[in-house]
Amino acid sequence: MTLYHAIETLLVPLIVLACTVSVVARYAPRTRERVKAALAARLGGGAARGWRGRLVRWLAPQAASGCASGCDDGGCNTCGSNTANATDAQERPAEQVVRFVRKR
């Protein structure tokens, strides 16, 4: 095995892993925040010192505001307050139906 093949064998899976983490982080933000919080807790939480403390502070979940905070699910209506009728916004289902249509 040459040096090129060794580097290629290590580099390609790392690139694929980085892309996978990026896609999961973008499309599953709550899961990303839960994983980050769990990792921060395993590293020692708020009592960690030194490099572990910096890593814990970096991994700590950020406080969300506005529509991403989850507050619009029935509490403060941050997103629904812009609509004309806020009660209709609460009565609508949280799910959207996806229909697959065959092309002709």
N, C-alpha and C. Protein backbone atom coordinates (compact mmCIF):
# COMPACT_ATOMS: atom_id res chain seq x y z
N MET A 1 0.86 -1.17 0.00
CA MET A 1 0.00 0.00 0.00
C MET A 1 0.90 1.24 0.00
N THR A 2 0.65 2.11 -0.92
CA THR A 2 1.46 3.32 -1.02
C THR A 2 0.92 4.38 -0.07
N LEU A 3 1.68 5.44 0.08
CA LEU A 3 1.27 6.54 0.94
C LEU A 3 0.00 7.20 0.40
N TYR A 4 -0.12 7.29 -0.90
CA TYR A 4 -1.32 7.86 -1.53
C TYR A 4 -2.56 7.06 -1.14
N HIS A 5 -2.48 5.75 -1.22
CA HIS A 5 -3.63 4.91 -0.88
C HIS A 5 -3.96 4.99 0.60
N ALA A 6 -2.95 5.10 1.43
CA ALA A 6 -3.20 5.22 2.87
C ALA A 6 -3.92 6.53 3.19
N ILE A 7 -3.45 7.62 2.58
CA ILE A 7 -4.09 8.92 2.82
C ILE A 7 -5.51 8.91 2.25
N GLU A 8 -5.67 8.34 1.06
CA GLU A 8 -6.98 8.27 0.45
C GLU A 8 -7.94 7.43 1.30
N THR A 9 -7.45 6.35 1.86
CA THR A 9 -8.28 5.47 2.69
C THR A 9 -8.74 6.19 3.95
N LEU A 10 -7.93 7.10 4.47
CA LEU A 10 -8.31 7.85 5.67
C LEU A 10 -9.10 9.12 5.35
N LEU A 11 -8.72 9.79 4.28
CA LEU A 11 -9.30 11.09 3.97
C LEU A 11 -10.73 11.00 3.44
N VAL A 12 -11.01 10.08 2.57
CA VAL A 12 -12.35 9.98 1.98
C VAL A 12 -13.41 9.68 3.04
N PRO A 13 -13.20 8.71 3.94
CA PRO A 13 -14.23 8.50 4.98
C PRO A 13 -14.39 9.71 5.91
N LEU A 14 -13.32 10.45 6.17
CA LEU A 14 -13.44 11.64 7.01
C LEU A 14 -14.27 12.72 6.31
N ILE A 15 -14.10 12.87 5.02
CA ILE A 15 -14.90 13.84 4.27
C ILE A 15 -16.36 13.42 4.27
N VAL A 16 -16.63 12.15 4.06
CA VAL A 16 -18.01 11.66 4.06
C VAL A 16 -18.64 11.83 5.44
N LEU A 17 -17.88 11.57 6.51
CA LEU A 17 -18.38 11.75 7.86
C LEU A 17 -18.69 13.22 8.14
N ALA A 18 -17.80 14.11 7.72
CA ALA A 18 -18.04 15.55 7.93
C ALA A 18 -19.29 16.02 7.19
N CYS A 19 -19.48 15.54 5.98
CA CYS A 19 -20.68 15.92 5.22
C CYS A 19 -21.94 15.36 5.87
N THR A 20 -21.88 14.15 6.36
CA THR A 20 -23.03 13.54 7.03
C THR A 20 -23.40 14.32 8.29
N VAL A 21 -22.40 14.67 9.08
CA VAL A 21 -22.64 15.45 10.30
C VAL A 21 -23.24 16.81 9.94
N SER A 22 -22.77 17.42 8.88
CA SER A 22 -23.28 18.72 8.45
C SER A 22 -24.75 18.62 8.04
N VAL A 23 -25.11 17.60 7.29
CA VAL A 23 -26.49 17.43 6.85
C VAL A 23 -27.40 17.13 8.03
N VAL A 24 -26.97 16.26 8.93
CA VAL A 24 -27.78 15.95 10.11
C VAL A 24 -27.95 17.19 10.98
N ALA A 25 -26.90 17.97 11.13
CA ALA A 25 -26.98 19.19 11.94
C ALA A 25 -27.96 20.19 11.34
N ARG A 26 -28.01 20.24 10.02
CA ARG A 26 -28.90 21.20 9.37
C ARG A 26 -30.36 20.75 9.42
N TYR A 27 -30.61 19.49 9.18
CA TYR A 27 -31.99 19.01 9.07
C TYR A 27 -32.54 18.38 10.34
N ALA A 28 -31.73 18.23 11.37
CA ALA A 28 -32.21 17.72 12.65
C ALA A 28 -31.59 18.56 13.78
N PRO A 29 -31.97 19.84 13.88
CA PRO A 29 -31.32 20.71 14.86
C PRO A 29 -31.61 20.33 16.31
N ARG A 30 -32.79 19.83 16.59
CA ARG A 30 -33.08 19.43 17.98
C ARG A 30 -32.23 18.23 18.39
N THR A 31 -32.08 17.28 17.49
CA THR A 31 -31.23 16.13 17.77
C THR A 31 -29.79 16.58 17.96
N ARG A 32 -29.35 17.50 17.12
CA ARG A 32 -27.99 18.03 17.25
C ARG A 32 -27.77 18.66 18.62
N GLU A 33 -28.73 19.47 19.07
CA GLU A 33 -28.60 20.13 20.36
C GLU A 33 -28.65 19.12 21.52
N ARG A 34 -29.48 18.08 21.38
CA ARG A 34 -29.51 17.05 22.44
C ARG A 34 -28.19 16.31 22.53
N VAL A 35 -27.60 15.98 21.37
CA VAL A 35 -26.32 15.27 21.36
C VAL A 35 -25.23 16.16 21.94
N LYS A 36 -25.24 17.44 21.57
CA LYS A 36 -24.24 18.37 22.10
C LYS A 36 -24.37 18.51 23.62
N ALA A 37 -25.60 18.60 24.12
CA ALA A 37 -25.83 18.73 25.56
C ALA A 37 -25.39 17.47 26.30
N ALA A 38 -25.67 16.31 25.73
CA ALA A 38 -25.26 15.06 26.36
C ALA A 38 -23.74 14.94 26.39
N LEU A 39 -23.09 15.34 25.30
CA LEU A 39 -21.63 15.28 25.25
C LEU A 39 -21.02 16.26 26.25
N ALA A 40 -21.60 17.45 26.38
CA ALA A 40 -21.11 18.43 27.35
C ALA A 40 -21.27 17.90 28.78
N ALA A 41 -22.38 17.23 29.05
CA ALA A 41 -22.59 16.66 30.39
C ALA A 41 -21.58 15.56 30.68
N ARG A 42 -21.27 14.75 29.68
CA ARG A 42 -20.30 13.67 29.89
C ARG A 42 -18.88 14.19 30.08
N LEU A 43 -18.60 15.37 29.56
CA LEU A 43 -17.27 15.97 29.73
C LEU A 43 -17.11 16.66 31.07
N GLY A 44 -18.15 16.73 31.87
CA GLY A 44 -18.03 17.30 33.20
C GLY A 44 -18.99 18.43 33.48
N GLY A 45 -19.75 18.84 32.50
CA GLY A 45 -20.73 19.90 32.70
C GLY A 45 -20.08 21.22 33.08
N GLY A 46 -20.73 21.97 33.94
CA GLY A 46 -20.24 23.29 34.35
C GLY A 46 -19.03 23.24 35.24
N ALA A 47 -18.72 22.08 35.83
CA ALA A 47 -17.58 21.97 36.74
C ALA A 47 -16.28 21.68 36.00
N ALA A 48 -16.31 21.48 34.72
CA ALA A 48 -15.10 21.16 33.97
C ALA A 48 -14.18 22.37 33.90
N ARG A 49 -12.88 22.11 33.93
CA ARG A 49 -11.89 23.18 33.90
C ARG A 49 -10.94 22.96 32.73
N GLY A 50 -10.22 24.01 32.36
CA GLY A 50 -9.21 23.91 31.32
C GLY A 50 -9.82 23.72 29.94
N TRP A 51 -9.19 22.87 29.15
CA TRP A 51 -9.66 22.65 27.78
C TRP A 51 -11.03 21.99 27.77
N ARG A 52 -11.29 21.15 28.78
CA ARG A 52 -12.61 20.52 28.84
C ARG A 52 -13.69 21.54 29.14
N GLY A 53 -13.40 22.53 29.98
CA GLY A 53 -14.35 23.59 30.27
C GLY A 53 -14.67 24.43 29.04
N ARG A 54 -13.64 24.75 28.25
CA ARG A 54 -13.86 25.50 27.01
C ARG A 54 -14.70 24.68 26.04
N LEU A 55 -14.41 23.38 25.96
CA LEU A 55 -15.18 22.52 25.06
C LEU A 55 -16.63 22.40 25.53
N VAL A 56 -16.85 22.32 26.83
CA VAL A 56 -18.21 22.24 27.38
C VAL A 56 -18.96 23.53 27.08
N ARG A 57 -18.31 24.69 27.26
CA ARG A 57 -18.98 25.96 26.95
C ARG A 57 -19.30 26.06 25.46
N TRP A 58 -18.43 25.54 24.60
CA TRP A 58 -18.67 25.57 23.17
C TRP A 58 -19.83 24.65 22.78
N LEU A 59 -19.93 23.49 23.46
CA LEU A 59 -20.97 22.52 23.16
C LEU A 59 -22.31 22.84 23.82
N ALA A 60 -22.31 23.72 24.82
CA ALA A 60 -23.53 24.01 25.56
C ALA A 60 -24.61 24.51 24.62
N PRO A 61 -25.85 24.05 24.81
CA PRO A 61 -26.94 24.48 23.93
C PRO A 61 -27.15 25.99 24.01
N GLN A 62 -27.39 26.59 22.86
CA GLN A 62 -27.63 28.02 22.79
C GLN A 62 -29.11 28.28 23.01
N ALA A 63 -29.43 29.38 23.67
CA ALA A 63 -30.82 29.74 23.89
C ALA A 63 -31.43 30.21 22.58
N ALA A 64 -32.48 29.56 22.15
CA ALA A 64 -33.14 29.93 20.90
C ALA A 64 -34.18 31.00 21.19
N SER A 65 -34.44 31.81 20.18
CA SER A 65 -35.46 32.84 20.33
C SER A 65 -36.31 32.87 19.07
N GLY A 66 -37.47 33.44 19.19
CA GLY A 66 -38.36 33.57 18.04
C GLY A 66 -39.02 32.24 17.68
N CYS A 67 -39.18 32.02 16.40
CA CYS A 67 -39.91 30.84 15.93
C CYS A 67 -39.17 29.55 16.21
N ALA A 68 -37.86 29.58 16.36
CA ALA A 68 -37.09 28.37 16.59
C ALA A 68 -37.08 27.96 18.05
N SER A 69 -37.65 28.76 18.93
CA SER A 69 -37.57 28.48 20.35
C SER A 69 -38.51 27.39 20.82
N GLY A 70 -39.50 27.04 20.01
CA GLY A 70 -40.47 26.04 20.43
C GLY A 70 -41.59 26.67 21.23
N CYS A 71 -41.49 27.96 21.49
CA CYS A 71 -42.49 28.67 22.27
C CYS A 71 -43.78 28.82 21.49
N ASP A 72 -43.71 28.76 20.17
CA ASP A 72 -44.89 28.96 19.34
C ASP A 72 -45.82 27.75 19.32
N ASP A 73 -45.49 26.69 20.06
CA ASP A 73 -46.32 25.50 20.07
C ASP A 73 -47.59 25.67 20.90
N GLY A 74 -47.79 26.79 21.49
CA GLY A 74 -49.01 27.01 22.26
C GLY A 74 -48.80 27.97 23.40
N GLY A 75 -47.56 28.36 23.63
CA GLY A 75 -47.27 29.26 24.75
C GLY A 75 -47.41 30.71 24.38
N CYS A 76 -46.38 31.28 23.82
CA CYS A 76 -46.38 32.73 23.60
C CYS A 76 -46.77 33.13 22.19
N ASN A 77 -46.93 32.20 21.28
CA ASN A 77 -47.35 32.49 19.91
C ASN A 77 -46.46 33.50 19.21
N THR A 78 -45.15 33.33 19.28
CA THR A 78 -44.24 34.28 18.65
C THR A 78 -44.40 34.26 17.14
N CYS A 79 -44.68 33.11 16.56
CA CYS A 79 -44.83 33.04 15.11
C CYS A 79 -46.26 33.31 14.70
N GLY A 80 -47.22 32.88 15.49
CA GLY A 80 -48.62 33.03 15.13
C GLY A 80 -49.15 34.42 15.38
N SER A 81 -48.38 35.27 16.08
CA SER A 81 -48.87 36.61 16.39
C SER A 81 -48.93 37.48 15.15
N ASN A 82 -48.23 37.13 14.10
CA ASN A 82 -48.26 37.91 12.87
C ASN A 82 -49.46 37.59 12.00
N THR A 83 -50.19 36.55 12.31
CA THR A 83 -51.35 36.18 11.50
C THR A 83 -52.55 36.99 11.94
N ALA A 84 -53.53 37.08 11.07
CA ALA A 84 -54.73 37.87 11.38
C ALA A 84 -55.55 37.21 12.47
N ASN A 85 -55.67 35.90 12.44
CA ASN A 85 -56.48 35.19 13.41
C ASN A 85 -55.61 34.15 14.09
N ALA A 86 -55.18 34.44 15.33
CA ALA A 86 -54.25 33.55 16.03
C ALA A 86 -54.92 32.24 16.43
N THR A 87 -56.24 32.25 16.62
CA THR A 87 -56.90 31.01 17.02
C THR A 87 -56.89 29.99 15.88
N ASP A 88 -56.98 30.47 14.63
CA ASP A 88 -56.89 29.55 13.50
C ASP A 88 -55.52 28.91 13.42
N ALA A 89 -54.49 29.65 13.77
CA ALA A 89 -53.13 29.12 13.72
C ALA A 89 -52.96 27.99 14.74
N GLN A 90 -53.67 28.09 15.88
CA GLN A 90 -53.55 27.05 16.89
C GLN A 90 -54.38 25.83 16.53
N GLU A 91 -55.47 25.99 15.78
CA GLU A 91 -56.34 24.89 15.44
C GLU A 91 -55.81 24.07 14.27
N ARG A 92 -54.95 24.66 13.46
CA ARG A 92 -54.41 23.92 12.32
C ARG A 92 -53.47 22.82 12.82
N PRO A 93 -53.46 21.69 12.16
CA PRO A 93 -52.56 20.63 12.60
C PRO A 93 -51.11 21.02 12.36
N ALA A 94 -50.22 20.49 13.20
CA ALA A 94 -48.80 20.79 13.09
C ALA A 94 -48.16 20.04 11.94
N GLU A 95 -48.85 19.05 11.41
CA GLU A 95 -48.30 18.25 10.32
C GLU A 95 -48.78 18.76 8.98
N GLN A 96 -47.98 18.52 7.97
CA GLN A 96 -48.39 18.81 6.61
C GLN A 96 -48.40 17.50 5.85
N VAL A 97 -49.44 17.30 5.08
CA VAL A 97 -49.57 16.07 4.33
C VAL A 97 -48.74 16.17 3.06
N VAL A 98 -47.94 15.16 2.81
CA VAL A 98 -47.12 15.12 1.60
C VAL A 98 -47.72 14.07 0.67
N ARG A 99 -48.06 14.49 -0.54
CA ARG A 99 -48.62 13.56 -1.51
C ARG A 99 -47.60 13.38 -2.64
N PHE A 100 -47.36 12.16 -3.00
CA PHE A 100 -46.47 11.84 -4.10
C PHE A 100 -47.31 11.66 -5.36
N VAL A 101 -46.94 12.38 -6.41
CA VAL A 101 -47.69 12.34 -7.66
C VAL A 101 -46.76 11.80 -8.73
N ARG A 102 -47.23 10.81 -9.44
CA ARG A 102 -46.45 10.20 -10.51
C ARG A 102 -46.42 11.12 -11.72
N LYS A 103 -45.25 11.34 -12.28
CA LYS A 103 -45.13 12.16 -13.50
C LYS A 103 -45.66 11.39 -14.68
N ARG A 104 -46.24 12.10 -15.63
CA ARG A 104 -46.80 11.45 -16.81
C ARG A 104 -45.94 11.68 -18.01
